[in-house]
Amino acid sequence: MTKIREPTNPNSPITPLKKLIRHVQCRIKLLKNKRCSIVRQLRDDVAQLLTHGHEQSAFDRVDQLFMDESIVAVYDLLDHFCEFIIIHLSYIRKHKDCPNDINEAVSTLIFRIGKVWRSPRASPDSEALRRPLRT
């Protein structure tokens, strides 16, 4: 179980945490939309390649299509974790210990935050997500 800082303090990190999670969510949605457009284009390319008899090129594109669809699924999962954390912030405020599902959502989000932002100077500090949580 994870311990949370005292939320009765007006300087509590819970509100900045919510803002940071919303910021992460916006970035995830942007990247997901970009990847979805790539997936749509790849599907069209595969269809055209198969129509023109270029099966080997189509199979290569299908591999890339599978990878991109998997990335979209990861973005969906991260977005759901963000929503889950935001929904349970009131529980986090009231209790010092978090159940395992909240811990998993937070730890996954912290772990994957570096992959969502490729540029280190543009990424929010993953420590900002950890600050409200004390192990």
C-alpha atoms as a PDB file:
ATOM      1  CA  MET A   1       0.000   0.000   0.000  1.00  0.00           C
ATOM      2  CA  THR A   2       1.169   3.525  -0.758  1.00  0.00           C
ATOM      3  CA  LYS A   3       0.939   6.387   1.673  1.00  0.00           C
ATOM      4  CA  ILE A   4      -0.314   9.772   0.531  1.00  0.00           C
ATOM      5  CA  ARG A   5       0.583  13.196   1.877  1.00  0.00           C
ATOM      6  CA  GLU A   6      -1.925  14.909   4.107  1.00  0.00           C
ATOM      7  CA  PRO A   7      -4.561  16.413   1.768  1.00  0.00           C
ATOM      8  CA  THR A   8      -6.002  18.908   4.264  1.00  0.00           C
ATOM      9  CA  ASN A   9      -3.114  21.249   3.545  1.00  0.00           C
ATOM     10  CA  PRO A  10      -4.077  23.795   0.847  1.00  0.00           C
ATOM     11  CA  ASN A  11      -0.593  23.376  -0.595  1.00  0.00           C
ATOM     12  CA  SER A  12      -1.275  19.693  -1.056  1.00  0.00           C
ATOM     13  CA  PRO A  13       0.161  18.236  -4.262  1.00  0.00           C
ATOM     14  CA  ILE A  14      -3.170  16.610  -5.202  1.00  0.00           C
ATOM     15  CA  THR A  15      -4.415  19.549  -7.317  1.00  0.00           C
ATOM     16  CA  PRO A  16      -1.119  19.924  -9.209  1.00  0.00           C
ATOM     17  CA  LEU A  17      -1.200  16.176  -9.682  1.00  0.00           C
ATOM     18  CA  LYS A  18      -4.625  16.406 -11.303  1.00  0.00           C
ATOM     19  CA  LYS A  19      -3.397  19.182 -13.604  1.00  0.00           C
ATOM     20  CA  LEU A  20      -0.343  17.150 -14.523  1.00  0.00           C
ATOM     21  CA  ILE A  21      -2.435  14.071 -15.264  1.00  0.00           C
ATOM     22  CA  ARG A  22      -4.760  16.156 -17.466  1.00  0.00           C
ATOM     23  CA  HIS A  23      -1.677  17.468 -19.287  1.00  0.00           C
ATOM     24  CA  VAL A  24      -0.431  13.908 -19.790  1.00  0.00           C
ATOM     25  CA  GLN A  25      -3.893  12.913 -21.008  1.00  0.00           C
ATOM     26  CA  CYS A  26      -3.901  15.686 -23.615  1.00  0.00           C
ATOM     27  CA  ARG A  27      -0.513  14.570 -24.872  1.00  0.00           C
ATOM     28  CA  ILE A  28      -1.638  10.933 -25.015  1.00  0.00           C
ATOM     29  CA  LYS A  29      -4.763  11.871 -26.984  1.00  0.00           C
ATOM     30  CA  LEU A  30      -2.696  13.930 -29.414  1.00  0.00           C
ATOM     31  CA  LEU A  31      -0.279  11.069 -30.010  1.00  0.00           C
ATOM     32  CA  LYS A  32      -3.151   8.587 -30.276  1.00  0.00           C
ATOM     33  CA  ASN A  33      -4.896  10.690 -32.937  1.00  0.00           C
ATOM     34  CA  LYS A  34      -1.647  10.967 -34.866  1.00  0.00           C
ATOM     35  CA  ARG A  35      -1.080   7.216 -34.682  1.00  0.00           C
ATOM     36  CA  CYS A  36      -4.698   6.500 -35.695  1.00  0.00           C
ATOM     37  CA  SER A  37      -4.251   8.555 -38.850  1.00  0.00           C
ATOM     38  CA  ILE A  38      -1.092   6.576 -39.617  1.00  0.00           C
ATOM     39  CA  VAL A  39      -3.055   3.343 -39.121  1.00  0.00           C
ATOM     40  CA  ARG A  40      -5.785   4.517 -41.511  1.00  0.00           C
ATOM     41  CA  GLN A  41      -3.182   5.421 -44.132  1.00  0.00           C
ATOM     42  CA  LEU A  42      -1.413   2.085 -43.723  1.00  0.00           C
ATOM     43  CA  ARG A  43      -4.690   0.214 -44.181  1.00  0.00           C
ATOM     44  CA  ASP A  44      -5.318   2.089 -47.416  1.00  0.00           C
ATOM     45  CA  ASP A  45      -1.754   1.368 -48.565  1.00  0.00           C
ATOM     46  CA  VAL A  46      -2.127  -2.347 -47.832  1.00  0.00           C
ATOM     47  CA  ALA A  47      -5.400  -2.472 -49.760  1.00  0.00           C
ATOM     48  CA  GLN A  48      -3.835  -0.734 -52.765  1.00  0.00           C
ATOM     49  CA  LEU A  49      -0.746  -2.948 -52.679  1.00  0.00           C
ATOM     50  CA  LEU A  50      -2.889  -6.082 -52.598  1.00  0.00           C
ATOM     51  CA  THR A  51      -5.048  -4.748 -55.436  1.00  0.00           C
ATOM     52  CA  HIS A  52      -1.960  -4.191 -57.596  1.00  0.00           C
ATOM     53  CA  GLY A  53      -0.436  -7.579 -56.764  1.00  0.00           C
ATOM     54  CA  HIS A  54       2.426  -6.457 -54.505  1.00  0.00           C
ATOM     55  CA  GLU A  55       1.890  -9.066 -51.797  1.00  0.00           C
ATOM     56  CA  GLN A  56       5.376  -8.906 -50.242  1.00  0.00           C
ATOM     57  CA  SER A  57       5.198  -5.137 -49.799  1.00  0.00           C
ATOM     58  CA  ALA A  58       1.696  -5.527 -48.381  1.00  0.00           C
ATOM     59  CA  PHE A  59       2.934  -8.086 -45.836  1.00  0.00           C
ATOM     60  CA  ASP A  60       5.689  -5.693 -44.759  1.00  0.00           C
ATOM     61  CA  ARG A  61       3.122  -2.937 -44.299  1.00  0.00           C
ATOM     62  CA  VAL A  62       0.877  -5.288 -42.318  1.00  0.00           C
ATOM     63  CA  ASP A  63       3.711  -5.791 -39.823  1.00  0.00           C
ATOM     64  CA  GLN A  64       3.973  -2.029 -39.404  1.00  0.00           C
ATOM     65  CA  LEU A  65       0.183  -1.782 -39.188  1.00  0.00           C
ATOM     66  CA  PHE A  66       0.136  -4.338 -36.371  1.00  0.00           C
ATOM     67  CA  MET A  67       2.821  -2.405 -34.470  1.00  0.00           C
ATOM     68  CA  ASP A  68       0.948   0.887 -34.867  1.00  0.00           C
ATOM     69  CA  GLU A  69      -2.355  -0.644 -33.755  1.00  0.00           C
ATOM     70  CA  SER A  70      -0.585  -2.022 -30.685  1.00  0.00           C
ATOM     71  CA  ILE A  71       0.727   1.454 -29.879  1.00  0.00           C
ATOM     72  CA  VAL A  72      -2.808   2.848 -30.173  1.00  0.00           C
ATOM     73  CA  ALA A  73      -3.955   0.191 -27.687  1.00  0.00           C
ATOM     74  CA  VAL A  74      -1.202   1.258 -25.271  1.00  0.00           C
ATOM     75  CA  TYR A  75      -2.297   4.887 -25.575  1.00  0.00           C
ATOM     76  CA  ASP A  76      -5.868   3.796 -24.798  1.00  0.00           C
ATOM     77  CA  LEU A  77      -4.691   1.953 -21.705  1.00  0.00           C
ATOM     78  CA  LEU A  78      -2.652   4.938 -20.500  1.00  0.00           C
ATOM     79  CA  ASP A  79      -5.637   7.220 -21.046  1.00  0.00           C
ATOM     80  CA  HIS A  80      -7.827   4.869 -19.003  1.00  0.00           C
ATOM     81  CA  PHE A  81      -5.235   4.837 -16.224  1.00  0.00           C
ATOM     82  CA  CYS A  82      -5.244   8.652 -16.198  1.00  0.00           C
ATOM     83  CA  GLU A  83      -9.034   8.702 -15.902  1.00  0.00           C
ATOM     84  CA  PHE A  84      -8.921   6.038 -13.206  1.00  0.00           C
ATOM     85  CA  ILE A  85      -6.477   8.078 -11.124  1.00  0.00           C
ATOM     86  CA  ILE A  86      -8.512  11.270 -11.527  1.00  0.00           C
ATOM     87  CA  ILE A  87     -11.725   9.467 -10.565  1.00  0.00           C
ATOM     88  CA  HIS A  88     -10.089   8.059  -7.439  1.00  0.00           C
ATOM     89  CA  LEU A  89      -8.414  11.280  -6.267  1.00  0.00           C
ATOM     90  CA  SER A  90     -11.178  11.784  -3.710  1.00  0.00           C
ATOM     91  CA  TYR A  91     -10.438   8.318  -2.298  1.00  0.00           C
ATOM     92  CA  ILE A  92      -6.741   9.145  -2.262  1.00  0.00           C
ATOM     93  CA  ARG A  93      -7.492  12.343  -0.361  1.00  0.00           C
ATOM     94  CA  LYS A  94      -9.465  10.507   2.329  1.00  0.00           C
ATOM     95  CA  HIS A  95      -7.223   7.485   2.853  1.00  0.00           C
ATOM     96  CA  LYS A  96      -3.548   7.193   3.574  1.00  0.00           C
ATOM     97  CA  ASP A  97      -3.219   3.809   1.899  1.00  0.00           C
ATOM     98  CA  CYS A  98      -4.074   3.107  -1.722  1.00  0.00           C
ATOM     99  CA  PRO A  99      -5.359  -0.210  -3.032  1.00  0.00           C
ATOM    100  CA  ASN A 100      -3.274  -2.146  -5.516  1.00  0.00           C
ATOM    101  CA  ASP A 101      -5.300  -1.070  -8.569  1.00  0.00           C
ATOM    102  CA  ILE A 102      -4.553   2.603  -7.885  1.00  0.00           C
ATOM    103  CA  ASN A 103      -0.901   1.783  -7.197  1.00  0.00           C
ATOM    104  CA  GLU A 104      -0.646  -0.085 -10.486  1.00  0.00           C
ATOM    105  CA  ALA A 105      -2.234   2.756 -12.448  1.00  0.00           C
ATOM    106  CA  VAL A 106       0.129   5.313 -10.918  1.00  0.00           C
ATOM    107  CA  SER A 107       3.240   3.168 -11.292  1.00  0.00           C
ATOM    108  CA  THR A 108       2.419   2.321 -14.917  1.00  0.00           C
ATOM    109  CA  LEU A 109       1.844   5.968 -15.711  1.00  0.00           C
ATOM    110  CA  ILE A 110       5.145   6.946 -14.073  1.00  0.00           C
ATOM    111  CA  PHE A 111       6.984   4.178 -15.906  1.00  0.00           C
ATOM    112  CA  ARG A 112       5.568   5.018 -19.332  1.00  0.00           C
ATOM    113  CA  ILE A 113       5.717   8.820 -19.066  1.00  0.00           C
ATOM    114  CA  GLY A 114       9.188   8.807 -20.632  1.00  0.00           C
ATOM    115  CA  LYS A 115       7.908   6.931 -23.660  1.00  0.00           C
ATOM    116  CA  VAL A 116       4.987   9.292 -24.204  1.00  0.00           C
ATOM    117  CA  TRP A 117       7.374  12.236 -24.400  1.00  0.00           C
ATOM    118  CA  ARG A 118      10.351  11.522 -26.587  1.00  0.00           C
ATOM    119  CA  SER A 119      12.046  14.833 -25.845  1.00  0.00           C
ATOM    120  CA  PRO A 120      13.315  15.050 -22.245  1.00  0.00           C
ATOM    121  CA  ARG A 121      13.044  18.834 -22.109  1.00  0.00           C
ATOM    122  CA  ALA A 122       9.358  18.710 -23.105  1.00  0.00           C
ATOM    123  CA  SER A 123       8.397  15.995 -20.646  1.00  0.00           C
ATOM    124  CA  PRO A 124       6.945  16.691 -17.256  1.00  0.00           C
ATOM    125  CA  ASP A 125       9.131  15.509 -14.450  1.00  0.00           C
ATOM    126  CA  SER A 126       8.070  11.992 -13.508  1.00  0.00           C
ATOM    127  CA  GLU A 127       9.049  12.967  -9.978  1.00  0.00           C
ATOM    128  CA  ALA A 128       6.055  15.324 -10.040  1.00  0.00           C
ATOM    129  CA  LEU A 129       3.826  12.254 -10.275  1.00  0.00           C
ATOM    130  CA  ARG A 130       5.711  10.543  -7.459  1.00  0.00           C
ATOM    131  CA  ARG A 131       5.752  13.469  -5.010  1.00  0.00           C
ATOM    132  CA  PRO A 132       2.237  13.007  -3.641  1.00  0.00           C
ATOM    133  CA  LEU A 133       2.869   9.312  -3.139  1.00  0.00           C
ATOM    134  CA  ARG A 134       5.086   7.983  -0.424  1.00  0.00           C
ATOM    135  CA  THR A 135       6.057   4.326  -0.448  1.00  0.00           C
END
